[in-house]
Amino acid sequence: MRQRISTLLVAGDAYLTSRRGQIAALALRHGIATGWGSRESVEVGGLASYAANRPEASRQFGIYVGRVLKGEKPATLPVVQPTKFEMVINLTTAKALGLTINRDLLFRADEVIE
């Protein structure tokens, strides 16, 4: 018996990111909900993303670069993990897939695309 795929979690590598519009359109055409690691993928038609906030991650990276440029050895710097995450939901995609997004989830989302 064949089983139908209903959900696809797309990894954030360079190749898949470069094809995010095509993947989102193909998934939507086949009725597959997609989860992503970037808001940009949701903006082009993906269903939802939950990922580290990019401006905050860039700020942390800048701090690291500054410390290295001031003479600190990279091996002595502590490992820093993201502390600020964002969830983005595309309601247009949800409606096209025939999905109803829980109201509580919508309230918790950082951005809802309509």
Protein backbone atom coordinates (compact mmCIF):
# COMPACT_ATOMS: atom_id res chain seq x y z
CA MET A 1 0.00 0.00 0.00
CA ARG A 2 1.31 3.46 -0.90
CA GLN A 3 1.26 6.14 1.74
CA ARG A 4 0.95 9.80 0.88
CA ILE A 5 3.39 12.35 2.28
CA SER A 6 1.55 15.16 4.05
CA THR A 7 4.40 17.18 5.53
CA LEU A 8 7.92 18.09 4.44
CA LEU A 9 10.60 19.61 6.66
CA VAL A 10 13.12 21.34 4.42
CA ALA A 11 16.73 21.56 5.63
CA GLY A 12 18.50 24.88 5.30
CA ASP A 13 21.40 24.00 3.03
CA ALA A 14 22.51 26.27 0.18
CA TYR A 15 21.05 24.18 -2.63
CA LEU A 16 17.58 23.79 -1.11
CA THR A 17 17.54 27.45 -0.06
CA SER A 18 18.31 28.49 -3.64
CA ARG A 19 15.32 26.42 -4.79
CA ARG A 20 12.90 27.38 -2.01
CA GLY A 21 10.38 29.01 -4.37
CA GLN A 22 10.26 25.93 -6.58
CA ILE A 23 10.02 23.56 -3.61
CA ALA A 24 7.24 25.60 -1.98
CA ALA A 25 5.24 25.76 -5.24
CA LEU A 26 5.67 22.05 -5.93
CA ALA A 27 4.70 21.12 -2.37
CA LEU A 28 1.62 23.34 -2.52
CA ARG A 29 0.57 21.86 -5.86
CA HIS A 30 0.72 18.38 -4.29
CA GLY A 31 -0.97 19.40 -1.04
CA ILE A 32 2.13 19.02 1.12
CA ALA A 33 2.65 21.30 4.12
CA THR A 34 6.23 22.56 4.44
CA GLY A 35 8.28 23.55 7.47
CA TRP A 36 11.37 25.69 6.96
CA GLY A 37 14.31 27.19 8.82
CA SER A 38 13.92 30.71 7.44
CA ARG A 39 11.23 33.35 7.17
CA GLU A 40 12.16 33.99 3.52
CA SER A 41 10.98 30.51 2.61
CA VAL A 42 7.58 31.21 4.15
CA GLU A 43 7.39 34.53 2.32
CA VAL A 44 7.64 32.66 -1.02
CA GLY A 45 4.90 30.15 -0.18
CA GLY A 46 6.13 27.79 2.52
CA LEU A 47 3.70 27.08 5.36
CA ALA A 48 5.74 27.86 8.46
CA SER A 49 9.20 28.42 9.86
CA TYR A 50 10.74 28.42 13.29
CA ALA A 51 14.32 29.55 13.41
CA ALA A 52 16.88 31.74 15.11
CA ASN A 53 16.24 35.44 14.58
CA ARG A 54 18.71 36.42 11.85
CA PRO A 55 19.38 40.02 12.94
CA GLU A 56 20.18 38.79 16.45
CA ALA A 57 22.42 36.00 15.11
CA SER A 58 24.23 38.52 12.89
CA ARG A 59 24.76 40.79 15.88
CA GLN A 60 26.27 37.92 17.86
CA PHE A 61 28.51 37.08 14.91
CA GLY A 62 29.66 40.71 14.74
CA ILE A 63 30.57 40.62 18.43
CA TYR A 64 32.65 37.49 17.83
CA VAL A 65 34.45 39.07 14.87
CA GLY A 66 35.17 42.18 16.93
CA ARG A 67 36.66 40.12 19.73
CA VAL A 68 38.90 38.23 17.30
CA LEU A 69 40.01 41.46 15.62
CA LYS A 70 40.95 42.83 19.04
CA GLY A 71 43.29 39.89 19.55
CA GLU A 72 41.30 37.17 21.31
CA LYS A 73 41.95 33.64 20.11
CA PRO A 74 38.87 32.03 18.56
CA ALA A 75 39.52 28.81 20.52
CA THR A 76 39.09 30.72 23.79
CA LEU A 77 35.72 32.22 22.90
CA PRO A 78 32.67 30.55 24.40
CA VAL A 79 30.16 28.75 22.24
CA VAL A 80 27.07 30.90 21.89
CA GLN A 81 23.68 29.51 20.95
CA PRO A 82 20.77 31.57 19.67
CA THR A 83 18.44 32.83 22.36
CA LYS A 84 15.90 34.62 20.21
CA PHE A 85 13.77 32.60 17.80
CA GLU A 86 10.93 33.59 15.51
CA MET A 87 7.96 31.74 14.12
CA VAL A 88 6.39 32.79 10.83
CA ILE A 89 3.16 31.31 9.46
CA ASN A 90 1.75 31.80 5.97
CA LEU A 91 -2.06 31.80 6.24
CA THR A 92 -2.48 32.03 2.48
CA THR A 93 -0.62 28.75 2.11
CA ALA A 94 -2.55 27.20 5.01
CA LYS A 95 -5.86 28.09 3.35
CA ALA A 96 -4.69 26.73 -0.01
CA LEU A 97 -3.83 23.45 1.76
CA GLY A 98 -7.20 23.38 3.51
CA LEU A 99 -5.60 23.76 6.94
CA THR A 100 -6.92 25.68 9.90
CA ILE A 101 -4.15 27.02 12.12
CA ASN A 102 -4.88 26.94 15.83
CA ARG A 103 -5.68 30.41 17.15
CA ASP A 104 -3.20 30.06 20.04
CA LEU A 105 -0.44 29.23 17.58
CA LEU A 106 -1.28 32.29 15.51
CA PHE A 107 -1.09 34.50 18.62
CA ARG A 108 2.34 33.08 19.45
CA ALA A 109 3.70 33.58 15.93
CA ASP A 110 6.07 36.52 15.45
CA GLU A 111 4.59 37.13 12.00
CA VAL A 112 1.52 35.89 10.17
CA ILE A 113 1.50 36.34 6.41
CA GLU A 114 -1.98 36.79 4.94
